[in-house]
Each structure stands twice: as C-alpha cells, then as structure tokens.
Amino acid sequence: MPDPSYVNSQVIDVINQSQAATMGHQVVLTSGAGKAYQSVAQSSAIAVQDATDALRNISTIATTAAGVAMAQFLATGDKKYSDALQNAQAMMKNATQDFADIGSAAATILKAFPSG
C-alpha cells in the first residue's frame, strides 16, 4: 500500500509554479497597479457622465427660461426680459465651460496615472 503522506514531486512542482506565476512579487504589483488604474479610469468616466447630466439639465432650464423670457419680451418689450435672456445664455455658456473643464481634468488625471 502506498504511503498516504507521499505526494508526487510533479504535483508539488505544478503547485509551486502556479504560485510563482500568480503570487509573485512583480505579478502582485502589476495586478494592483492595473486595478488602481481601472478604478481611476472608472471614476473619471463617472465624473464626465455626471458633468454631461448637469449640462443636459442646465440646458433644459436655460432653454425654458430663454423661451419664457423671449415670449415676455416680445409681448411687453420690457428690458428685464432681455436681461433674463442674456442670463440664460450666460448660464449655458458657463455650464458648457464647466463640462469642458471637467472632461479635461479627468483626461489629465487618467493620463498622469501609472497604468502598471
């Protein structure tokens, strides 16, 4: 009867090689850096998505405000409605600049982050 505590040396070698391939120092470092890069990339993408949503919402508000202001200005000729129209346009311009700034910042952060 074979000794139950005996393990074939080939099995031990395969286990050691598998551990070296998956748990080696450089493998762990590279894997960790890759996971960190993916996390930063996902966070950057979420920031851009949030900025897109904000831009869309501000666009809806600004367009609605501009329509109301234009209708009131045409109906009354009161300058305050012309001012409101300009404010709505400025709001949209600022939101567009914010979107561009967030996109640029996200891209810069991601480019500067080591990918592994």
N, C-alpha and C. Protein backbone atom coordinates (compact mmCIF):
# COMPACT_ATOMS: atom_id res chain seq x y z
N MET A 1 0.85 -1.16 0.00
CA MET A 1 0.00 0.00 0.00
C MET A 1 0.91 1.23 0.00
N PRO A 2 0.59 2.21 -0.89
CA PRO A 2 1.45 3.39 -0.94
C PRO A 2 1.28 4.25 0.32
N ASP A 3 2.33 4.98 0.60
CA ASP A 3 2.33 5.88 1.77
C ASP A 3 1.36 7.04 1.50
N PRO A 4 0.32 7.27 2.35
CA PRO A 4 -0.66 8.32 2.11
C PRO A 4 -0.08 9.73 2.26
N SER A 5 1.07 9.87 2.88
CA SER A 5 1.66 11.20 3.04
C SER A 5 2.56 11.55 1.86
N TYR A 6 2.78 10.63 0.96
CA TYR A 6 3.64 10.87 -0.19
C TYR A 6 2.86 11.63 -1.27
N VAL A 7 3.46 12.71 -1.77
CA VAL A 7 2.86 13.48 -2.87
C VAL A 7 3.86 13.46 -4.01
N ASN A 8 3.36 13.17 -5.16
CA ASN A 8 4.19 13.11 -6.35
C ASN A 8 4.93 14.43 -6.53
N SER A 9 6.21 14.38 -6.82
CA SER A 9 7.02 15.59 -6.96
C SER A 9 6.54 16.47 -8.11
N GLN A 10 5.95 15.87 -9.13
CA GLN A 10 5.40 16.66 -10.24
C GLN A 10 4.22 17.52 -9.78
N VAL A 11 3.41 16.99 -8.91
CA VAL A 11 2.28 17.75 -8.37
C VAL A 11 2.80 18.93 -7.55
N ILE A 12 3.78 18.68 -6.73
CA ILE A 12 4.37 19.75 -5.92
C ILE A 12 4.97 20.82 -6.83
N ASP A 13 5.65 20.40 -7.89
CA ASP A 13 6.26 21.34 -8.83
C ASP A 13 5.19 22.20 -9.51
N VAL A 14 4.08 21.59 -9.92
CA VAL A 14 3.00 22.35 -10.56
C VAL A 14 2.42 23.37 -9.59
N ILE A 15 2.23 23.00 -8.36
CA ILE A 15 1.70 23.93 -7.36
C ILE A 15 2.66 25.09 -7.15
N ASN A 16 3.94 24.79 -7.04
CA ASN A 16 4.95 25.85 -6.85
C ASN A 16 5.00 26.79 -8.06
N GLN A 17 4.94 26.23 -9.25
CA GLN A 17 4.96 27.08 -10.46
C GLN A 17 3.71 27.94 -10.56
N SER A 18 2.57 27.38 -10.19
CA SER A 18 1.32 28.15 -10.22
C SER A 18 1.37 29.31 -9.22
N GLN A 19 1.89 29.04 -8.05
CA GLN A 19 2.02 30.10 -7.05
C GLN A 19 2.98 31.18 -7.52
N ALA A 20 4.07 30.78 -8.12
CA ALA A 20 5.04 31.77 -8.61
C ALA A 20 4.44 32.61 -9.72
N ALA A 21 3.63 31.98 -10.57
CA ALA A 21 3.04 32.71 -11.70
C ALA A 21 1.93 33.66 -11.26
N THR A 22 1.24 33.34 -10.18
CA THR A 22 0.10 34.17 -9.78
C THR A 22 0.36 35.02 -8.54
N MET A 23 1.31 34.63 -7.74
CA MET A 23 1.54 35.34 -6.48
C MET A 23 2.94 35.94 -6.37
N GLY A 24 3.67 35.92 -7.46
CA GLY A 24 5.00 36.52 -7.45
C GLY A 24 4.92 38.01 -7.17
N HIS A 25 5.99 38.55 -6.61
CA HIS A 25 6.02 39.96 -6.22
C HIS A 25 5.65 40.89 -7.38
N GLN A 26 6.27 40.69 -8.53
CA GLN A 26 6.01 41.57 -9.67
C GLN A 26 4.59 41.40 -10.20
N VAL A 27 4.08 40.17 -10.17
CA VAL A 27 2.71 39.92 -10.63
C VAL A 27 1.71 40.64 -9.74
N VAL A 28 1.92 40.59 -8.44
CA VAL A 28 1.02 41.26 -7.49
C VAL A 28 1.09 42.78 -7.69
N LEU A 29 2.30 43.32 -7.86
CA LEU A 29 2.43 44.76 -8.07
C LEU A 29 1.75 45.20 -9.37
N THR A 30 1.98 44.48 -10.43
CA THR A 30 1.39 44.84 -11.72
C THR A 30 -0.13 44.71 -11.67
N SER A 31 -0.61 43.66 -11.06
CA SER A 31 -2.06 43.46 -10.95
C SER A 31 -2.69 44.57 -10.12
N GLY A 32 -2.05 44.93 -9.02
CA GLY A 32 -2.57 46.01 -8.17
C GLY A 32 -2.57 47.34 -8.89
N ALA A 33 -1.51 47.63 -9.63
CA ALA A 33 -1.45 48.88 -10.39
C ALA A 33 -2.52 48.92 -11.46
N GLY A 34 -2.76 47.79 -12.10
CA GLY A 34 -3.80 47.72 -13.13
C GLY A 34 -5.18 47.95 -12.55
N LYS A 35 -5.43 47.36 -11.39
CA LYS A 35 -6.72 47.56 -10.73
C LYS A 35 -6.90 49.01 -10.30
N ALA A 36 -5.83 49.62 -9.79
CA ALA A 36 -5.90 51.03 -9.39
C ALA A 36 -6.18 51.91 -10.61
N TYR A 37 -5.51 51.63 -11.72
CA TYR A 37 -5.73 52.40 -12.95
C TYR A 37 -7.18 52.26 -13.41
N GLN A 38 -7.71 51.05 -13.38
CA GLN A 38 -9.10 50.83 -13.79
C GLN A 38 -10.05 51.60 -12.88
N SER A 39 -9.76 51.64 -11.60
CA SER A 39 -10.61 52.37 -10.67
C SER A 39 -10.59 53.87 -10.96
N VAL A 40 -9.40 54.41 -11.23
CA VAL A 40 -9.29 55.83 -11.57
C VAL A 40 -9.99 56.12 -12.89
N ALA A 41 -9.84 55.22 -13.85
CA ALA A 41 -10.50 55.40 -15.15
C ALA A 41 -12.01 55.39 -14.99
N GLN A 42 -12.52 54.48 -14.17
CA GLN A 42 -13.97 54.42 -13.95
C GLN A 42 -14.46 55.68 -13.23
N SER A 43 -13.72 56.14 -12.25
CA SER A 43 -14.10 57.37 -11.53
C SER A 43 -14.09 58.57 -12.47
N SER A 44 -13.12 58.62 -13.36
CA SER A 44 -13.05 59.71 -14.34
C SER A 44 -14.26 59.66 -15.28
N ALA A 45 -14.60 58.46 -15.71
CA ALA A 45 -15.76 58.31 -16.59
C ALA A 45 -17.05 58.73 -15.90
N ILE A 46 -17.18 58.38 -14.63
CA ILE A 46 -18.37 58.77 -13.87
C ILE A 46 -18.43 60.29 -13.72
N ALA A 47 -17.29 60.92 -13.48
CA ALA A 47 -17.26 62.39 -13.37
C ALA A 47 -17.72 63.04 -14.67
N VAL A 48 -17.27 62.50 -15.79
CA VAL A 48 -17.69 63.05 -17.09
C VAL A 48 -19.18 62.78 -17.33
N GLN A 49 -19.66 61.61 -16.95
CA GLN A 49 -21.09 61.32 -17.09
C GLN A 49 -21.92 62.27 -16.23
N ASP A 50 -21.48 62.52 -15.01
CA ASP A 50 -22.19 63.46 -14.14
C ASP A 50 -22.19 64.86 -14.73
N ALA A 51 -21.06 65.27 -15.30
CA ALA A 51 -20.97 66.59 -15.93
C ALA A 51 -21.90 66.65 -17.14
N THR A 52 -22.02 65.55 -17.87
CA THR A 52 -22.93 65.50 -19.02
C THR A 52 -24.37 65.67 -18.55
N ASP A 53 -24.72 64.96 -17.48
CA ASP A 53 -26.08 65.09 -16.94
C ASP A 53 -26.35 66.52 -16.48
N ALA A 54 -25.38 67.12 -15.81
CA ALA A 54 -25.55 68.50 -15.34
C ALA A 54 -25.72 69.45 -16.52
N LEU A 55 -24.91 69.26 -17.55
CA LEU A 55 -25.01 70.12 -18.74
C LEU A 55 -26.39 69.96 -19.40
N ARG A 56 -26.86 68.73 -19.48
CA ARG A 56 -28.18 68.48 -20.08
C ARG A 56 -29.28 69.16 -19.25
N ASN A 57 -29.19 69.05 -17.94
CA ASN A 57 -30.21 69.66 -17.08
C ASN A 57 -30.17 71.19 -17.15
N ILE A 58 -28.97 71.75 -17.13
CA ILE A 58 -28.85 73.20 -17.24
C ILE A 58 -29.33 73.68 -18.60
N SER A 59 -29.06 72.89 -19.62
CA SER A 59 -29.53 73.24 -20.97
C SER A 59 -31.06 73.29 -21.01
N THR A 60 -31.70 72.33 -20.37
CA THR A 60 -33.16 72.32 -20.32
C THR A 60 -33.69 73.56 -19.60
N ILE A 61 -33.08 73.88 -18.46
CA ILE A 61 -33.51 75.05 -17.69
C ILE A 61 -33.28 76.33 -18.48
N ALA A 62 -32.07 76.45 -19.07
CA ALA A 62 -31.73 77.67 -19.82
C ALA A 62 -32.63 77.84 -21.05
N THR A 63 -32.90 76.75 -21.74
CA THR A 63 -33.76 76.83 -22.92
C THR A 63 -35.18 77.24 -22.53
N THR A 64 -35.67 76.67 -21.45
CA THR A 64 -37.02 77.02 -20.98
C THR A 64 -37.06 78.49 -20.55
N ALA A 65 -36.07 78.89 -19.78
CA ALA A 65 -36.02 80.28 -19.33
C ALA A 65 -35.91 81.24 -20.51
N ALA A 66 -35.10 80.87 -21.49
CA ALA A 66 -34.94 81.74 -22.67
C ALA A 66 -36.25 81.85 -23.45
N GLY A 67 -36.96 80.74 -23.57
CA GLY A 67 -38.25 80.77 -24.27
C GLY A 67 -39.26 81.65 -23.57
N VAL A 68 -39.33 81.52 -22.26
CA VAL A 68 -40.27 82.35 -21.49
C VAL A 68 -39.86 83.82 -21.57
N ALA A 69 -38.57 84.08 -21.40
CA ALA A 69 -38.08 85.47 -21.45
C ALA A 69 -38.35 86.09 -22.82
N MET A 70 -38.11 85.34 -23.88
CA MET A 70 -38.34 85.86 -25.23
C MET A 70 -39.82 86.15 -25.45
N ALA A 71 -40.67 85.23 -25.01
CA ALA A 71 -42.11 85.45 -25.16
C ALA A 71 -42.55 86.69 -24.40
N GLN A 72 -42.07 86.85 -23.19
CA GLN A 72 -42.44 88.02 -22.39
C GLN A 72 -41.86 89.30 -22.97
N PHE A 73 -40.64 89.23 -23.47
CA PHE A 73 -40.03 90.41 -24.07
C PHE A 73 -40.80 90.85 -25.31
N LEU A 74 -41.19 89.87 -26.13
CA LEU A 74 -41.95 90.21 -27.34
C LEU A 74 -43.33 90.75 -26.98
N ALA A 75 -43.91 90.23 -25.91
CA ALA A 75 -45.25 90.67 -25.51
C ALA A 75 -45.24 92.04 -24.84
N THR A 76 -44.20 92.31 -24.05
CA THR A 76 -44.21 93.54 -23.26
C THR A 76 -43.15 94.56 -23.69
N GLY A 77 -42.06 94.09 -24.28
CA GLY A 77 -40.97 94.99 -24.64
C GLY A 77 -40.14 95.42 -23.44
N ASP A 78 -40.43 94.83 -22.28
CA ASP A 78 -39.71 95.20 -21.05
C ASP A 78 -38.28 94.65 -21.10
N LYS A 79 -37.32 95.53 -20.82
CA LYS A 79 -35.89 95.17 -20.91
C LYS A 79 -35.49 94.08 -19.91
N LYS A 80 -36.22 93.95 -18.82
CA LYS A 80 -35.84 92.93 -17.83
C LYS A 80 -35.90 91.53 -18.45
N TYR A 81 -36.77 91.31 -19.43
CA TYR A 81 -36.85 90.01 -20.08
C TYR A 81 -35.68 89.78 -21.03
N SER A 82 -35.20 90.87 -21.61
CA SER A 82 -33.99 90.79 -22.44
C SER A 82 -32.79 90.43 -21.56
N ASP A 83 -32.74 91.02 -20.37
CA ASP A 83 -31.67 90.69 -19.42
C ASP A 83 -31.76 89.23 -18.99
N ALA A 84 -32.96 88.74 -18.77
CA ALA A 84 -33.15 87.34 -18.38
C ALA A 84 -32.67 86.41 -19.50
N LEU A 85 -32.93 86.79 -20.74
CA LEU A 85 -32.47 86.00 -21.88
C LEU A 85 -30.94 85.95 -21.89
N GLN A 86 -30.30 87.06 -21.66
CA GLN A 86 -28.83 87.09 -21.61
C GLN A 86 -28.30 86.25 -20.45
N ASN A 87 -29.00 86.29 -19.33
CA ASN A 87 -28.58 85.47 -18.18
C ASN A 87 -28.70 83.97 -18.49
N ALA A 88 -29.74 83.60 -19.19
CA ALA A 88 -29.91 82.19 -19.58
C ALA A 88 -28.79 81.76 -20.53
N GLN A 89 -28.43 82.64 -21.45
CA GLN A 89 -27.33 82.34 -22.36
C GLN A 89 -26.00 82.22 -21.60
N ALA A 90 -25.78 83.11 -20.64
CA ALA A 90 -24.56 83.06 -19.83
C ALA A 90 -24.51 81.78 -18.99
N MET A 91 -25.67 81.38 -18.47
CA MET A 91 -25.74 80.15 -17.69
C MET A 91 -25.34 78.96 -18.55
N MET A 92 -25.81 78.93 -19.78
CA MET A 92 -25.47 77.83 -20.69
C MET A 92 -23.99 77.86 -21.05
N LYS A 93 -23.46 79.04 -21.28
CA LYS A 93 -22.03 79.17 -21.61
C LYS A 93 -21.17 78.68 -20.44
N ASN A 94 -21.53 79.07 -19.23
CA ASN A 94 -20.78 78.63 -18.05
C ASN A 94 -20.87 77.12 -17.85
N ALA A 95 -22.03 76.56 -18.07
CA ALA A 95 -22.20 75.11 -17.93
C ALA A 95 -21.36 74.37 -18.97
N THR A 96 -21.32 74.90 -20.18
CA THR A 96 -20.51 74.28 -21.23
C THR A 96 -19.03 74.34 -20.86
N GLN A 97 -18.59 75.46 -20.30
CA GLN A 97 -17.19 75.58 -19.88
C GLN A 97 -16.88 74.62 -18.73
N ASP A 98 -17.82 74.50 -17.79
CA ASP A 98 -17.64 73.55 -16.68
C ASP A 98 -17.48 72.13 -17.22
N PHE A 99 -18.32 71.76 -18.18
CA PHE A 99 -18.25 70.44 -18.79
C PHE A 99 -16.88 70.21 -19.43
N ALA A 100 -16.41 71.20 -20.18
CA ALA A 100 -15.09 71.09 -20.83
C ALA A 100 -13.98 70.98 -19.79
N ASP A 101 -14.07 71.75 -18.73
CA ASP A 101 -13.05 71.71 -17.67
C ASP A 101 -13.02 70.35 -16.97
N ILE A 102 -14.18 69.82 -16.69
CA ILE A 102 -14.25 68.51 -16.03
C ILE A 102 -13.70 67.43 -16.94
N GLY A 103 -14.06 67.47 -18.21
CA GLY A 103 -13.53 66.49 -19.16
C GLY A 103 -12.03 66.57 -19.30
N SER A 104 -11.50 67.78 -19.36
CA SER A 104 -10.05 67.96 -19.47
C SER A 104 -9.34 67.48 -18.20
N ALA A 105 -9.90 67.81 -17.05
CA ALA A 105 -9.30 67.38 -15.79
C ALA A 105 -9.30 65.86 -15.67
N ALA A 106 -10.41 65.23 -16.05
CA ALA A 106 -10.48 63.77 -15.99
C ALA A 106 -9.45 63.14 -16.91
N ALA A 107 -9.31 63.67 -18.12
CA ALA A 107 -8.33 63.14 -19.06
C ALA A 107 -6.90 63.33 -18.56
N THR A 108 -6.62 64.49 -17.98
CA THR A 108 -5.28 64.77 -17.46
C THR A 108 -4.94 63.82 -16.31
N ILE A 109 -5.88 63.63 -15.42
CA ILE A 109 -5.65 62.73 -14.27
C ILE A 109 -5.39 61.31 -14.77
N LEU A 110 -6.18 60.87 -15.71
CA LEU A 110 -6.04 59.50 -16.21
C LEU A 110 -4.73 59.32 -16.97
N LYS A 111 -4.34 60.29 -17.75
CA LYS A 111 -3.07 60.20 -18.49
C LYS A 111 -1.87 60.18 -17.55
N ALA A 112 -1.97 60.90 -16.44
CA ALA A 112 -0.85 61.00 -15.50
C ALA A 112 -0.77 59.79 -14.56
N PHE A 113 -1.83 59.03 -14.47
CA PHE A 113 -1.86 57.90 -13.53
C PHE A 113 -1.12 56.72 -14.13
N PRO A 114 -0.21 56.10 -13.38
CA PRO A 114 0.51 54.95 -13.93
C PRO A 114 -0.42 53.76 -14.16
N SER A 115 -0.29 53.15 -15.32
CA SER A 115 -1.19 52.06 -15.68
C SER A 115 -0.63 50.69 -15.30
N GLY A 116 0.51 50.65 -14.73
CA GLY A 116 1.07 49.37 -14.30
C GLY A 116 2.30 49.10 -15.03
